[in-house]
């Protein structure tokens, strides 16, 4: 009995210790209340794989115009260019095409179907908004990686554009390494400017007024309050 209690205490200690180490590691890039749990999970995965915390930027708010912002889940600046991540969390079967406006999530063996905005188009828009922040970005390769967490299956997904990758979370490091090893080094003219712009976007996301404005802008764009059934 005493032995069993000792084992349980040891396991509890190890769990707490691992969570503490993960929290400390995560803090080198972002706060534990920034973004979503899956985004933070991806940050930790990248850090634990050996990617420098100085190259990872989480929960960026890129300024567009008239107080509008584009929210980007995660950016990694690499030797071959800028990798922009869009993180999703879905269950069920996923159907979609690279050029379709909406994709479909199917649950309960086809009994329930839900549409959601094409994450490839969504991330492409994020990349376009980011490119406008710095002239240098127009001469640097950008790579789009859409990461799906959750118990989902890609059933019929096709026409994925060149430079874009659709991946389940367990294979994201494989895709990251593929991008790094299969492409030539990018021609950065000023790396400090790149870091400055990305850090500024991260700082924007820490401001509550920016977050609130972004939420309001998205709601206004969707216009659901103007639909009367």
Protein backbone atom coordinates (compact mmCIF):
# COMPACT_ATOMS: atom_id res chain seq x y z
CA UNK A 1 0.00 0.00 0.00
CA UNK A 2 2.76 2.43 0.95
CA UNK A 3 4.65 1.43 -2.21
CA UNK A 4 1.57 2.16 -4.37
CA UNK A 5 1.11 5.58 -2.74
CA UNK A 6 4.78 6.31 -3.34
CA UNK A 7 4.42 5.46 -7.04
CA UNK A 8 1.34 7.71 -7.35
CA UNK A 9 3.16 10.58 -5.67
CA UNK A 10 6.14 10.10 -7.97
CA UNK A 11 3.88 10.14 -11.04
CA UNK A 12 2.12 13.28 -9.76
CA UNK A 13 5.48 14.95 -9.17
CA UNK A 14 6.67 14.05 -12.68
CA UNK A 15 3.46 15.41 -14.24
CA UNK A 16 3.79 18.69 -12.32
CA UNK A 17 7.48 18.92 -13.17
CA UNK A 18 6.83 18.37 -16.90
CA UNK A 19 4.05 20.98 -16.90
CA UNK A 20 6.37 23.43 -15.14
CA UNK A 21 9.13 22.85 -17.70
CA UNK A 22 6.66 23.23 -20.59
CA UNK A 23 5.30 26.46 -19.08
CA UNK A 24 8.82 27.83 -18.67
CA UNK A 25 9.73 26.86 -22.23
CA UNK A 26 6.53 28.35 -23.64
CA UNK A 27 7.26 31.65 -21.85
CA UNK A 28 10.37 32.09 -24.02
CA UNK A 29 7.98 32.77 -26.93
CA UNK A 30 4.51 33.59 -25.64
CA UNK A 31 2.23 33.79 -22.61
CA UNK A 32 -0.01 30.95 -21.45
CA UNK A 33 -3.12 33.07 -22.13
CA UNK A 34 -2.23 34.03 -25.71
CA UNK A 35 -4.01 32.34 -28.61
CA UNK A 36 -5.56 28.89 -28.31
CA UNK A 37 -4.36 25.75 -26.55
CA UNK A 38 -3.61 24.10 -29.91
CA UNK A 39 -1.54 27.11 -31.02
CA UNK A 40 0.48 26.95 -27.82
CA UNK A 41 0.87 23.20 -28.31
CA UNK A 42 2.39 23.89 -31.72
CA UNK A 43 4.74 26.50 -30.26
CA UNK A 44 5.97 23.92 -27.72
CA UNK A 45 6.35 21.26 -30.41
CA UNK A 46 8.55 23.57 -32.47
CA UNK A 47 10.62 24.61 -29.45
CA UNK A 48 11.16 21.01 -28.32
CA UNK A 49 12.34 20.10 -31.82
CA UNK A 50 15.21 22.57 -31.43
CA UNK A 51 13.84 25.58 -33.31
CA UNK A 52 15.14 28.78 -31.75
CA UNK A 53 12.66 30.81 -29.70
CA UNK A 54 14.03 33.94 -31.39
CA UNK A 55 12.57 32.81 -34.73
CA UNK A 56 9.06 31.93 -33.49
CA UNK A 57 6.32 34.57 -33.34
CA UNK A 58 2.91 33.70 -31.90
CA UNK A 59 -0.49 35.41 -32.09
CA UNK A 60 0.39 38.28 -34.40
CA UNK A 61 -1.96 41.15 -35.20
CA UNK A 62 -0.88 42.74 -38.47
CA UNK A 63 -2.19 46.24 -39.02
CA UNK A 64 -4.09 46.70 -42.27
CA UNK A 65 -6.05 49.96 -42.63
CA UNK A 66 -8.61 52.10 -40.75
CA UNK A 67 -8.02 50.18 -37.53
CA UNK A 68 -8.44 46.75 -39.10
CA UNK A 69 -6.05 43.93 -38.21
CA UNK A 70 -5.23 40.51 -39.61
CA UNK A 71 -4.70 37.91 -36.89
CA UNK A 72 -2.03 35.28 -37.65
CA UNK A 73 -1.64 32.21 -35.46
CA UNK A 74 2.07 31.57 -35.83
CA UNK A 75 5.06 32.67 -37.91
CA UNK A 76 8.55 31.16 -38.06
CA UNK A 77 11.36 33.07 -39.75
CA UNK A 78 13.75 30.54 -41.30
CA UNK A 79 16.81 30.55 -43.53
CA UNK A 80 14.64 29.64 -46.55
CA UNK A 81 11.88 32.17 -45.93
CA UNK A 82 8.86 32.91 -43.77
CA UNK A 83 6.59 30.04 -42.71
CA UNK A 84 3.07 31.14 -41.77
CA UNK A 85 0.92 28.67 -39.80
CA UNK A 86 -2.86 28.54 -39.58
CA UNK A 87 -4.00 26.23 -36.76
CA UNK A 88 -7.38 24.47 -36.79
CA UNK A 89 -9.08 22.04 -34.41
CA UNK A 90 -11.74 19.82 -35.98
CA UNK A 91 -13.31 16.40 -35.61
CA UNK A 92 -14.85 14.23 -38.31
CA UNK A 93 -14.28 14.04 -42.04
CA UNK A 94 -12.91 17.05 -43.89
CA UNK A 95 -13.78 17.74 -47.53
CA UNK A 96 -12.43 20.64 -49.55
CA UNK A 97 -10.46 22.01 -52.46
CA UNK A 98 -7.73 24.61 -52.61
CA UNK A 99 -9.87 27.00 -54.67
CA UNK A 100 -13.28 26.48 -53.01
CA UNK A 101 -14.49 29.29 -50.75
CA UNK A 102 -15.85 26.88 -48.14
CA UNK A 103 -14.89 23.43 -46.90
CA UNK A 104 -17.15 20.86 -45.25
CA UNK A 105 -16.88 19.08 -41.92
CA UNK A 106 -18.93 15.87 -41.70
CA UNK A 107 -19.86 14.33 -38.34
CA UNK A 108 -21.98 11.39 -37.12
CA UNK A 109 -21.28 9.32 -40.24
CA UNK A 110 -22.74 11.92 -42.57
CA UNK A 111 -25.73 12.94 -40.47
CA UNK A 112 -24.27 16.35 -39.59
CA UNK A 113 -22.49 18.68 -42.00
CA UNK A 114 -20.95 22.07 -41.31
CA UNK A 115 -19.26 24.54 -43.63
CA UNK A 116 -16.22 26.59 -42.70
CA UNK A 117 -14.07 29.07 -44.60
CA UNK A 118 -11.28 27.54 -46.68
CA UNK A 119 -8.21 27.70 -44.35
CA UNK A 120 -5.86 27.83 -47.34
CA UNK A 121 -7.51 31.01 -48.64
CA UNK A 122 -7.60 32.33 -45.08
CA UNK A 123 -3.86 31.85 -44.60
CA UNK A 124 -3.09 33.23 -48.06
CA UNK A 125 -4.87 36.43 -47.00
CA UNK A 126 -2.74 36.54 -43.86
CA UNK A 127 0.40 36.21 -45.96
CA UNK A 128 -0.74 38.98 -48.32
CA UNK A 129 -1.40 41.28 -45.35
CA UNK A 130 1.99 40.45 -43.86
CA UNK A 131 3.80 41.11 -47.13
CA UNK A 132 2.43 44.65 -47.18
CA UNK A 133 4.27 45.45 -43.96
CA UNK A 134 7.75 45.42 -45.48
CA UNK A 135 9.09 45.88 -49.02
CA UNK A 136 11.67 43.20 -48.33
CA UNK A 137 8.88 40.62 -47.89
CA UNK A 138 8.14 40.80 -51.63
CA UNK A 139 11.57 39.27 -52.33
CA UNK A 140 11.43 36.54 -49.68
CA UNK A 141 9.67 33.17 -50.15
CA UNK A 142 6.58 32.58 -48.01
CA UNK A 143 5.24 29.12 -47.16
CA UNK A 144 1.73 28.43 -45.93
CA UNK A 145 1.19 25.55 -43.48
CA UNK A 146 -2.35 24.72 -42.35
CA UNK A 147 -2.22 22.46 -39.30
CA UNK A 148 -5.24 20.41 -38.21
CA UNK A 149 -5.49 19.24 -34.63
CA UNK A 150 -8.29 16.99 -33.39
CA UNK A 151 -9.69 13.63 -34.44
CA UNK A 152 -10.30 14.52 -38.08
CA UNK A 153 -9.65 12.74 -41.37
CA UNK A 154 -8.91 14.34 -44.75
CA UNK A 155 -11.39 12.50 -46.98
CA UNK A 156 -11.37 14.47 -50.24
CA UNK A 157 -8.98 17.40 -50.16
CA UNK A 158 -7.24 18.39 -53.38
CA UNK A 159 -5.78 21.22 -55.51
CA UNK A 160 -3.36 22.33 -52.81
CA UNK A 161 -1.30 25.22 -54.25
CA UNK A 162 2.47 25.09 -54.59
CA UNK A 163 4.16 26.37 -51.43
CA UNK A 164 1.13 25.39 -49.34
CA UNK A 165 0.93 22.38 -47.03
CA UNK A 166 -2.05 20.78 -45.31
CA UNK A 167 -0.97 18.60 -42.40
CA UNK A 168 -2.20 16.79 -39.30
CA UNK A 169 -0.47 17.97 -36.13
CA UNK A 170 1.51 14.74 -35.66
CA UNK A 171 3.36 15.33 -38.97
CA UNK A 172 3.96 19.08 -38.77
CA UNK A 173 7.69 18.71 -38.02
CA UNK A 174 8.03 16.49 -41.08
CA UNK A 175 6.54 19.27 -43.22
CA UNK A 176 8.68 21.91 -41.51
CA UNK A 177 11.87 19.95 -42.26
CA UNK A 178 10.73 19.32 -45.82
CA UNK A 179 10.44 23.08 -46.38
CA UNK A 180 13.86 23.73 -44.83
CA UNK A 181 15.79 21.00 -46.67
CA UNK A 182 14.16 21.26 -50.10
CA UNK A 183 14.52 25.02 -50.64
CA UNK A 184 17.38 27.42 -51.25
CA UNK A 185 18.35 30.03 -48.63
CA UNK A 186 16.28 33.22 -48.81
CA UNK A 187 17.92 36.51 -49.77
CA UNK A 188 17.22 38.63 -46.68
CA UNK A 189 18.39 42.20 -47.21
CA UNK A 190 17.83 43.19 -43.57
CA UNK A 191 16.96 40.54 -40.97
CA UNK A 192 16.55 43.15 -38.25
CA UNK A 193 13.66 44.75 -40.14
CA UNK A 194 11.99 41.35 -40.47
CA UNK A 195 12.26 40.70 -36.73
CA UNK A 196 11.08 44.23 -35.93
CA UNK A 197 7.92 43.91 -38.02
CA UNK A 198 7.07 40.49 -36.59
CA UNK A 199 7.71 41.59 -33.00
CA UNK A 200 5.53 44.65 -33.53
CA UNK A 201 2.68 42.44 -34.73
CA UNK A 202 3.06 40.26 -31.61
CA UNK A 203 2.96 43.37 -29.40
CA UNK A 204 -0.24 44.49 -31.16
CA UNK A 205 -1.87 41.23 -30.11
CA UNK A 206 -1.07 41.89 -26.46
CA UNK A 207 -3.19 45.06 -26.47
CA UNK A 208 -6.77 44.49 -25.31
CA UNK A 209 -8.07 47.40 -27.39
CA UNK A 210 -6.61 45.79 -30.51
CA UNK A 211 -8.12 42.41 -29.65
CA UNK A 212 -11.53 43.97 -28.98
CA UNK A 213 -11.40 45.99 -32.19
CA UNK A 214 -10.48 42.90 -34.20
CA UNK A 215 -13.38 40.88 -32.74
CA UNK A 216 -15.77 43.75 -33.46
CA UNK A 217 -14.50 44.07 -37.04
CA UNK A 218 -14.91 40.33 -37.67
CA UNK A 219 -18.46 40.33 -36.27
CA UNK A 220 -19.34 43.35 -38.37
CA UNK A 221 -17.86 41.71 -41.47
CA UNK A 222 -19.92 38.54 -40.91
CA UNK A 223 -23.02 40.65 -40.32
CA UNK A 224 -24.96 37.92 -38.51
CA UNK A 225 -26.75 40.54 -36.41
CA UNK A 226 -28.24 41.90 -39.62
CA UNK A 227 -29.92 38.61 -40.57
CA UNK A 228 -33.56 38.24 -39.50
CA UNK A 229 -35.16 34.82 -39.88
